[in-house]
Amino acid sequence: MLVNLVRPILMSQFVSLYDAKTRLSALVDRAAAGEEIVIAKNGVACARLMPIAQKGERRKPANALRIKYIAPDFDAPDPEIERLFAGDPP
């Protein structure tokens, strides 16, 4: 039957450009949740806000440097470098 061949048409919500500018964060949240939003300027559709298809799994760190331990004073200031930046002679 022809009725079975026709896919349902999902209605997008139309939002004016002014409303989109004032509520952009909320519209992006709705689009990320799967909703499609059409932005209209002067009543004419001009842009579509829709979710991005996710590809595969999230990235996992490679641990390429194989660092197992970081010393507690790793980011402590080095007196020699501070002396050089101060302009003191070597």
PDB file of N, CA and C in Angstrom:
ATOM      1  N   MET A   1       0.838  -1.184   0.000  1.00  0.00           N
ATOM      2  CA  MET A   1       0.000   0.000   0.000  1.00  0.00           C
ATOM      3  C   MET A   1       0.879   1.242   0.000  1.00  0.00           C
ATOM      4  N   LEU A   2       0.386   2.267  -0.591  1.00  0.00           N
ATOM      5  CA  LEU A   2       1.110   3.525  -0.683  1.00  0.00           C
ATOM      6  C   LEU A   2       1.287   4.169   0.683  1.00  0.00           C
ATOM      7  N   VAL A   3       0.349   3.972   1.571  1.00  0.00           N
ATOM      8  CA  VAL A   3       0.427   4.575   2.899  1.00  0.00           C
ATOM      9  C   VAL A   3       1.647   4.066   3.646  1.00  0.00           C
ATOM     10  N   ASN A   4       2.004   2.823   3.479  1.00  0.00           N
ATOM     11  CA  ASN A   4       3.151   2.246   4.164  1.00  0.00           C
ATOM     12  C   ASN A   4       4.477   2.746   3.590  1.00  0.00           C
ATOM     13  N   LEU A   5       4.473   3.221   2.352  1.00  0.00           N
ATOM     14  CA  LEU A   5       5.697   3.677   1.722  1.00  0.00           C
ATOM     15  C   LEU A   5       6.061   5.106   2.102  1.00  0.00           C
ATOM     16  N   VAL A   6       5.102   5.859   2.557  1.00  0.00           N
ATOM     17  CA  VAL A   6       5.341   7.268   2.887  1.00  0.00           C
ATOM     18  C   VAL A   6       5.863   7.354   4.313  1.00  0.00           C
ATOM     19  N   ARG A   7       7.052   7.933   4.456  1.00  0.00           N
ATOM     20  CA  ARG A   7       7.603   8.116   5.793  1.00  0.00           C
ATOM     21  C   ARG A   7       6.950   9.331   6.438  1.00  0.00           C
ATOM     22  N   PRO A   8       6.800   9.315   7.752  1.00  0.00           N
ATOM     23  CA  PRO A   8       6.226  10.479   8.408  1.00  0.00           C
ATOM     24  C   PRO A   8       7.168  11.674   8.285  1.00  0.00           C
ATOM     25  N   ILE A   9       6.604  12.826   8.042  1.00  0.00           N
ATOM     26  CA  ILE A   9       7.385  14.054   7.914  1.00  0.00           C
ATOM     27  C   ILE A   9       7.459  14.715   9.279  1.00  0.00           C
ATOM     28  N   LEU A  10       8.669  14.909   9.769  1.00  0.00           N
ATOM     29  CA  LEU A  10       8.855  15.553  11.058  1.00  0.00           C
ATOM     30  C   LEU A  10       8.797  17.062  10.869  1.00  0.00           C
ATOM     31  N   MET A  11       7.986  17.701  11.630  1.00  0.00           N
ATOM     32  CA  MET A  11       7.842  19.144  11.527  1.00  0.00           C
ATOM     33  C   MET A  11       8.944  19.818  12.328  1.00  0.00           C
ATOM     34  N   SER A  12       9.620  20.737  11.697  1.00  0.00           N
ATOM     35  CA  SER A  12      10.637  21.523  12.380  1.00  0.00           C
ATOM     36  C   SER A  12       9.968  22.746  12.983  1.00  0.00           C
ATOM     37  N   GLN A  13      10.524  23.222  14.066  1.00  0.00           N
ATOM     38  CA  GLN A  13       9.984  24.428  14.665  1.00  0.00           C
ATOM     39  C   GLN A  13      10.647  25.638  14.022  1.00  0.00           C
ATOM     40  N   PHE A  14       9.847  26.614  13.642  1.00  0.00           N
ATOM     41  CA  PHE A  14      10.359  27.850  13.062  1.00  0.00           C
ATOM     42  C   PHE A  14      10.565  28.872  14.169  1.00  0.00           C
ATOM     43  N   VAL A  15      11.696  29.541  14.132  1.00  0.00           N
ATOM     44  CA  VAL A  15      12.030  30.567  15.117  1.00  0.00           C
ATOM     45  C   VAL A  15      12.516  31.787  14.350  1.00  0.00           C
ATOM     46  N   SER A  16      12.067  32.958  14.765  1.00  0.00           N
ATOM     47  CA  SER A  16      12.517  34.174  14.088  1.00  0.00           C
ATOM     48  C   SER A  16      13.989  34.431  14.409  1.00  0.00           C
ATOM     49  N   LEU A  17      14.648  35.166  13.545  1.00  0.00           N
ATOM     50  CA  LEU A  17      16.058  35.468  13.737  1.00  0.00           C
ATOM     51  C   LEU A  17      16.277  36.214  15.048  1.00  0.00           C
ATOM     52  N   TYR A  18      15.387  37.127  15.387  1.00  0.00           N
ATOM     53  CA  TYR A  18      15.499  37.883  16.640  1.00  0.00           C
ATOM     54  C   TYR A  18      15.421  36.927  17.836  1.00  0.00           C
ATOM     55  N   ASP A  19      14.426  36.019  17.826  1.00  0.00           N
ATOM     56  CA  ASP A  19      14.297  35.059  18.923  1.00  0.00           C
ATOM     57  C   ASP A  19      15.502  34.129  18.997  1.00  0.00           C
ATOM     58  N   ALA A  20      16.038  33.750  17.836  1.00  0.00           N
ATOM     59  CA  ALA A  20      17.212  32.874  17.820  1.00  0.00           C
ATOM     60  C   ALA A  20      18.412  33.567  18.450  1.00  0.00           C
ATOM     61  N   LYS A  21      18.575  34.868  18.193  1.00  0.00           N
ATOM     62  CA  LYS A  21      19.694  35.595  18.785  1.00  0.00           C
ATOM     63  C   LYS A  21      19.546  35.708  20.295  1.00  0.00           C
ATOM     64  N   THR A  22      18.337  35.925  20.765  1.00  0.00           N
ATOM     65  CA  THR A  22      18.141  36.119  22.199  1.00  0.00           C
ATOM     66  C   THR A  22      18.114  34.800  22.974  1.00  0.00           C
ATOM     67  N   ARG A  23      17.787  33.683  22.295  1.00  0.00           N
ATOM     68  CA  ARG A  23      17.694  32.395  22.983  1.00  0.00           C
ATOM     69  C   ARG A  23      18.615  31.346  22.377  1.00  0.00           C
ATOM     70  N   LEU A  24      19.769  31.765  21.853  1.00  0.00           N
ATOM     71  CA  LEU A  24      20.650  30.853  21.145  1.00  0.00           C
ATOM     72  C   LEU A  24      21.086  29.672  22.004  1.00  0.00           C
ATOM     73  N   SER A  25      21.478  29.913  23.241  1.00  0.00           N
ATOM     74  CA  SER A  25      21.958  28.835  24.100  1.00  0.00           C
ATOM     75  C   SER A  25      20.884  27.759  24.291  1.00  0.00           C
ATOM     76  N   ALA A  26      19.665  28.179  24.551  1.00  0.00           N
ATOM     77  CA  ALA A  26      18.576  27.216  24.744  1.00  0.00           C
ATOM     78  C   ALA A  26      18.278  26.466  23.450  1.00  0.00           C
ATOM     79  N   LEU A  27      18.343  27.153  22.305  1.00  0.00           N
ATOM     80  CA  LEU A  27      18.088  26.495  21.024  1.00  0.00           C
ATOM     81  C   LEU A  27      19.175  25.466  20.708  1.00  0.00           C
ATOM     82  N   VAL A  28      20.422  25.786  21.030  1.00  0.00           N
ATOM     83  CA  VAL A  28      21.510  24.843  20.804  1.00  0.00           C
ATOM     84  C   VAL A  28      21.320  23.604  21.684  1.00  0.00           C
ATOM     85  N   ASP A  29      20.890  23.797  22.920  1.00  0.00           N
ATOM     86  CA  ASP A  29      20.622  22.656  23.803  1.00  0.00           C
ATOM     87  C   ASP A  29      19.525  21.761  23.229  1.00  0.00           C
ATOM     88  N   ARG A  30      18.486  22.392  22.685  1.00  0.00           N
ATOM     89  CA  ARG A  30      17.390  21.616  22.100  1.00  0.00           C
ATOM     90  C   ARG A  30      17.858  20.863  20.858  1.00  0.00           C
ATOM     91  N   ALA A  31      18.679  21.514  20.045  1.00  0.00           N
ATOM     92  CA  ALA A  31      19.197  20.850  18.845  1.00  0.00           C
ATOM     93  C   ALA A  31      20.105  19.685  19.228  1.00  0.00           C
ATOM     94  N   ALA A  32      20.928  19.871  20.250  1.00  0.00           N
ATOM     95  CA  ALA A  32      21.810  18.798  20.698  1.00  0.00           C
ATOM     96  C   ALA A  32      21.004  17.601  21.202  1.00  0.00           C
ATOM     97  N   ALA A  33      19.800  17.863  21.712  1.00  0.00           N
ATOM     98  CA  ALA A  33      18.939  16.793  22.201  1.00  0.00           C
ATOM     99  C   ALA A  33      18.200  16.082  21.058  1.00  0.00           C
ATOM    100  N   GLY A  34      18.379  16.576  19.810  1.00  0.00           N
ATOM    101  CA  GLY A  34      17.782  15.881  18.672  1.00  0.00           C
ATOM    102  C   GLY A  34      16.740  16.663  17.914  1.00  0.00           C
ATOM    103  N   GLU A  35      16.374  17.824  18.373  1.00  0.00           N
ATOM    104  CA  GLU A  35      15.346  18.616  17.708  1.00  0.00           C
ATOM    105  C   GLU A  35      15.945  19.406  16.550  1.00  0.00           C
ATOM    106  N   GLU A  36      15.163  19.602  15.505  1.00  0.00           N
ATOM    107  CA  GLU A  36      15.601  20.418  14.375  1.00  0.00           C
ATOM    108  C   GLU A  36      14.845  21.738  14.418  1.00  0.00           C
ATOM    109  N   ILE A  37      15.571  22.837  14.323  1.00  0.00           N
ATOM    110  CA  ILE A  37      14.987  24.172  14.433  1.00  0.00           C
ATOM    111  C   ILE A  37      15.349  24.959  13.187  1.00  0.00           C
ATOM    112  N   VAL A  38      14.345  25.566  12.562  1.00  0.00           N
ATOM    113  CA  VAL A  38      14.562  26.384  11.379  1.00  0.00           C
ATOM    114  C   VAL A  38      14.497  27.841  11.792  1.00  0.00           C
ATOM    115  N   ILE A  39      15.514  28.604  11.395  1.00  0.00           N
ATOM    116  CA  ILE A  39      15.576  30.024  11.723  1.00  0.00           C
ATOM    117  C   ILE A  39      15.106  30.802  10.502  1.00  0.00           C
ATOM    118  N   ALA A  40      14.134  31.692  10.728  1.00  0.00           N
ATOM    119  CA  ALA A  40      13.536  32.455   9.636  1.00  0.00           C
ATOM    120  C   ALA A  40      13.843  33.934   9.785  1.00  0.00           C
ATOM    121  N   LYS A  41      14.074  34.579   8.653  1.00  0.00           N
ATOM    122  CA  LYS A  41      14.299  36.025   8.614  1.00  0.00           C
ATOM    123  C   LYS A  41      13.200  36.624   7.755  1.00  0.00           C
ATOM    124  N   ASN A  42      12.439  37.525   8.337  1.00  0.00           N
ATOM    125  CA  ASN A  42      11.286  38.129   7.663  1.00  0.00           C
ATOM    126  C   ASN A  42      10.315  37.070   7.147  1.00  0.00           C
ATOM    127  N   GLY A  43      10.141  36.001   7.925  1.00  0.00           N
ATOM    128  CA  GLY A  43       9.187  34.956   7.581  1.00  0.00           C
ATOM    129  C   GLY A  43       9.694  33.938   6.568  1.00  0.00           C
ATOM    130  N   VAL A  44      10.940  34.086   6.127  1.00  0.00           N
ATOM    131  CA  VAL A  44      11.507  33.163   5.136  1.00  0.00           C
ATOM    132  C   VAL A  44      12.597  32.332   5.809  1.00  0.00           C
ATOM    133  N   ALA A  45      12.489  31.018   5.690  1.00  0.00           N
ATOM    134  CA  ALA A  45      13.488  30.129   6.294  1.00  0.00           C
ATOM    135  C   ALA A  45      14.852  30.404   5.674  1.00  0.00           C
ATOM    136  N   CYS A  46      15.869  30.590   6.537  1.00  0.00           N
ATOM    137  CA  CYS A  46      17.201  30.901   6.007  1.00  0.00           C
ATOM    138  C   CYS A  46      18.296  30.035   6.616  1.00  0.00           C
ATOM    139  N   ALA A  47      18.028  29.326   7.704  1.00  0.00           N
ATOM    140  CA  ALA A  47      19.046  28.475   8.317  1.00  0.00           C
ATOM    141  C   ALA A  47      18.368  27.357   9.093  1.00  0.00           C
ATOM    142  N   ARG A  48      19.121  26.277   9.288  1.00  0.00           N
ATOM    143  CA  ARG A  48      18.603  25.140  10.032  1.00  0.00           C
ATOM    144  C   ARG A  48      19.596  24.787  11.132  1.00  0.00           C
ATOM    145  N   LEU A  49      19.106  24.651  12.349  1.00  0.00           N
ATOM    146  CA  LEU A  49      19.914  24.259  13.500  1.00  0.00           C
ATOM    147  C   LEU A  49      19.532  22.826  13.827  1.00  0.00           C
ATOM    148  N   MET A  50      20.515  21.924  13.725  1.00  0.00           N
ATOM    149  CA  MET A  50      20.226  20.508  13.933  1.00  0.00           C
ATOM    150  C   MET A  50      21.395  19.838  14.629  1.00  0.00           C
ATOM    151  N   PRO A  51      21.168  18.669  15.236  1.00  0.00           N
ATOM    152  CA  PRO A  51      22.257  18.000  15.962  1.00  0.00           C
ATOM    153  C   PRO A  51      23.308  17.463  15.001  1.00  0.00           C
ATOM    154  N   ILE A  52      24.530  17.348  15.502  1.00  0.00           N
ATOM    155  CA  ILE A  52      25.623  16.757  14.743  1.00  0.00           C
ATOM    156  C   ILE A  52      25.646  15.267  15.056  1.00  0.00           C
ATOM    157  N   ALA A  53      25.774  14.453  14.027  1.00  0.00           N
ATOM    158  CA  ALA A  53      25.838  13.006  14.224  1.00  0.00           C
ATOM    159  C   ALA A  53      27.155  12.658  14.903  1.00  0.00           C
ATOM    160  N   GLN A  54      27.080  11.913  15.971  1.00  0.00           N
ATOM    161  CA  GLN A  54      28.278  11.507  16.703  1.00  0.00           C
ATOM    162  C   GLN A  54      28.957  10.361  15.963  1.00  0.00           C
ATOM    163  N   LYS A  55      30.273  10.411  15.899  1.00  0.00           N
ATOM    164  CA  LYS A  55      31.034   9.381  15.201  1.00  0.00           C
ATOM    165  C   LYS A  55      31.804   8.535  16.205  1.00  0.00           C
ATOM    166  N   GLY A  56      31.485   7.279  16.280  1.00  0.00           N
ATOM    167  CA  GLY A  56      32.256   6.333  17.072  1.00  0.00           C
ATOM    168  C   GLY A  56      32.370   6.654  18.551  1.00  0.00           C
ATOM    169  N   GLU A  57      33.380   6.063  19.159  1.00  0.00           N
ATOM    170  CA  GLU A  57      33.607   6.229  20.588  1.00  0.00           C
ATOM    171  C   GLU A  57      34.400   7.494  20.870  1.00  0.00           C
ATOM    172  N   ARG A  58      34.322   7.929  22.108  1.00  0.00           N
ATOM    173  CA  ARG A  58      35.130   9.073  22.532  1.00  0.00           C
ATOM    174  C   ARG A  58      36.599   8.702  22.498  1.00  0.00           C
ATOM    175  N   ARG A  59      37.433   9.677  22.274  1.00  0.00           N
ATOM    176  CA  ARG A  59      38.873   9.475  22.195  1.00  0.00           C
ATOM    177  C   ARG A  59      39.426   9.062  23.547  1.00  0.00           C
ATOM    178  N   LYS A  60      40.374   8.120  23.526  1.00  0.00           N
ATOM    179  CA  LYS A  60      41.042   7.671  24.746  1.00  0.00           C
ATOM    180  C   LYS A  60      42.486   8.138  24.694  1.00  0.00           C
ATOM    181  N   PRO A  61      43.048   8.638  25.801  1.00  0.00           N
ATOM    182  CA  PRO A  61      44.446   9.065  25.802  1.00  0.00           C
ATOM    183  C   PRO A  61      45.368   7.904  25.441  1.00  0.00           C
ATOM    184  N   ALA A  62      46.404   8.195  24.651  1.00  0.00           N
ATOM    185  CA  ALA A  62      47.314   7.152  24.185  1.00  0.00           C
ATOM    186  C   ALA A  62      48.411   6.829  25.196  1.00  0.00           C
ATOM    187  N   ASN A  63      48.668   7.739  26.137  1.00  0.00           N
ATOM    188  CA  ASN A  63      49.745   7.568  27.107  1.00  0.00           C
ATOM    189  C   ASN A  63      51.081   7.321  26.396  1.00  0.00           C
ATOM    190  N   ALA A  64      51.315   8.114  25.339  1.00  0.00           N
ATOM    191  CA  ALA A  64      52.500   7.926  24.505  1.00  0.00           C
ATOM    192  C   ALA A  64      53.801   8.158  25.263  1.00  0.00           C
ATOM    193  N   LEU A  65      53.818   9.050  26.238  1.00  0.00           N
ATOM    194  CA  LEU A  65      55.051   9.320  26.975  1.00  0.00           C
ATOM    195  C   LEU A  65      55.276   8.334  28.122  1.00  0.00           C
ATOM    196  N   ARG A  66      54.268   7.546  28.412  1.00  0.00           N
ATOM    197  CA  ARG A  66      54.348   6.527  29.461  1.00  0.00           C
ATOM    198  C   ARG A  66      54.771   7.114  30.814  1.00  0.00           C
ATOM    199  N   ILE A  67      54.222   8.264  31.141  1.00  0.00           N
ATOM    200  CA  ILE A  67      54.538   8.923  32.409  1.00  0.00           C
ATOM    201  C   ILE A  67      53.764   8.222  33.525  1.00  0.00           C
ATOM    202  N   LYS A  68      54.477   7.769  34.522  1.00  0.00           N
ATOM    203  CA  LYS A  68      53.863   7.068  35.652  1.00  0.00           C
ATOM    204  C   LYS A  68      53.838   7.944  36.907  1.00  0.00           C
ATOM    205  N   TYR A  69      54.783   8.884  36.998  1.00  0.00           N
ATOM    206  CA  TYR A  69      54.927   9.654  38.229  1.00  0.00           C
ATOM    207  C   TYR A  69      55.277  11.101  37.885  1.00  0.00           C
ATOM    208  N   ILE A  70      54.660  12.038  38.574  1.00  0.00           N
ATOM    209  CA  ILE A  70      55.000  13.455  38.448  1.00  0.00           C
ATOM    210  C   ILE A  70      55.379  13.944  39.837  1.00  0.00           C
ATOM    211  N   ALA A  71      56.567  14.513  39.956  1.00  0.00           N
ATOM    212  CA  ALA A  71      57.067  14.978  41.258  1.00  0.00           C
ATOM    213  C   ALA A  71      56.181  16.104  41.793  1.00  0.00           C
ATOM    214  N   PRO A  72      56.040  16.197  43.117  1.00  0.00           N
ATOM    215  CA  PRO A  72      55.207  17.254  43.706  1.00  0.00           C
ATOM    216  C   PRO A  72      55.707  18.658  43.364  1.00  0.00           C
ATOM    217  N   ASP A  73      57.008  18.817  43.157  1.00  0.00           N
ATOM    218  CA  ASP A  73      57.546  20.145  42.846  1.00  0.00           C
ATOM    219  C   ASP A  73      57.734  20.348  41.333  1.00  0.00           C
ATOM    220  N   PHE A  74      56.988  19.603  40.525  1.00  0.00           N
ATOM    221  CA  PHE A  74      57.116  19.651  39.075  1.00  0.00           C
ATOM    222  C   PHE A  74      57.000  21.073  38.531  1.00  0.00           C
ATOM    223  N   ASP A  75      56.016  21.824  39.024  1.00  0.00           N
ATOM    224  CA  ASP A  75      55.808  23.170  38.493  1.00  0.00           C
ATOM    225  C   ASP A  75      56.313  24.269  39.434  1.00  0.00           C
ATOM    226  N   ALA A  76      57.202  23.907  40.348  1.00  0.00           N
ATOM    227  CA  ALA A  76      57.789  24.907  41.251  1.00  0.00           C
ATOM    228  C   ALA A  76      58.745  25.801  40.461  1.00  0.00           C
ATOM    229  N   PRO A  77      58.852  27.070  40.835  1.00  0.00           N
ATOM    230  CA  PRO A  77      59.749  27.972  40.111  1.00  0.00           C
ATOM    231  C   PRO A  77      61.217  27.548  40.249  1.00  0.00           C
ATOM    232  N   ASP A  78      61.958  27.728  39.187  1.00  0.00           N
ATOM    233  CA  ASP A  78      63.382  27.396  39.170  1.00  0.00           C
ATOM    234  C   ASP A  78      64.166  28.680  39.451  1.00  0.00           C
ATOM    235  N   PRO A  79      64.958  28.735  40.530  1.00  0.00           N
ATOM    236  CA  PRO A  79      65.690  29.961  40.881  1.00  0.00           C
ATOM    237  C   PRO A  79      66.636  30.432  39.774  1.00  0.00           C
ATOM    238  N   GLU A  80      67.231  29.528  39.044  1.00  0.00           N
ATOM    239  CA  GLU A  80      68.148  29.898  37.965  1.00  0.00           C
ATOM    240  C   GLU A  80      67.403  30.605  36.832  1.00  0.00           C
ATOM    241  N   ILE A  81      66.248  30.100  36.478  1.00  0.00           N
ATOM    242  CA  ILE A  81      65.457  30.730  35.416  1.00  0.00           C
ATOM    243  C   ILE A  81      64.931  32.077  35.888  1.00  0.00           C
ATOM    244  N   GLU A  82      64.493  32.176  37.118  1.00  0.00           N
ATOM    245  CA  GLU A  82      64.031  33.460  37.652  1.00  0.00           C
ATOM    246  C   GLU A  82      65.159  34.493  37.626  1.00  0.00           C
ATOM    247  N   ARG A  83      66.368  34.065  37.950  1.00  0.00           N
ATOM    248  CA  ARG A  83      67.522  34.970  37.945  1.00  0.00           C
ATOM    249  C   ARG A  83      67.783  35.488  36.528  1.00  0.00           C
ATOM    250  N   LEU A  84      67.689  34.595  35.527  1.00  0.00           N
ATOM    251  CA  LEU A  84      67.916  35.001  34.136  1.00  0.00           C
ATOM    252  C   LEU A  84      66.840  35.972  33.650  1.00  0.00           C
ATOM    253  N   PHE A  85      65.588  35.741  34.030  1.00  0.00           N
ATOM    254  CA  PHE A  85      64.514  36.641  33.620  1.00  0.00           C
ATOM    255  C   PHE A  85      64.637  38.002  34.314  1.00  0.00           C
ATOM    256  N   ALA A  86      65.205  38.022  35.496  1.00  0.00           N
ATOM    257  CA  ALA A  86      65.385  39.286  36.223  1.00  0.00           C
ATOM    258  C   ALA A  86      66.482  40.125  35.601  1.00  0.00           C
ATOM    259  N   GLY A  87      67.296  39.514  34.735  1.00  0.00           N
ATOM    260  CA  GLY A  87      68.364  40.269  34.096  1.00  0.00           C
ATOM    261  C   GLY A  87      69.667  40.252  34.844  1.00  0.00           C
ATOM    262  N   ASP A  88      69.765  39.419  35.873  1.00  0.00           N
ATOM    263  CA  ASP A  88      71.007  39.316  36.629  1.00  0.00           C
ATOM    264  C   ASP A  88      72.085  38.661  35.755  1.00  0.00           C
ATOM    265  N   PRO A  89      73.326  39.098  35.854  1.00  0.00           N
ATOM    266  CA  PRO A  89      74.389  38.477  35.044  1.00  0.00           C
ATOM    267  C   PRO A  89      74.656  37.042  35.491  1.00  0.00           C
ATOM    268  N   PRO A  90      75.116  36.206  34.576  1.00  0.00           N
ATOM    269  CA  PRO A  90      75.370  34.796  34.906  1.00  0.00           C
ATOM    270  C   PRO A  90      76.531  34.589  35.863  1.00  0.00           C
TER     271      PRO A  90
END
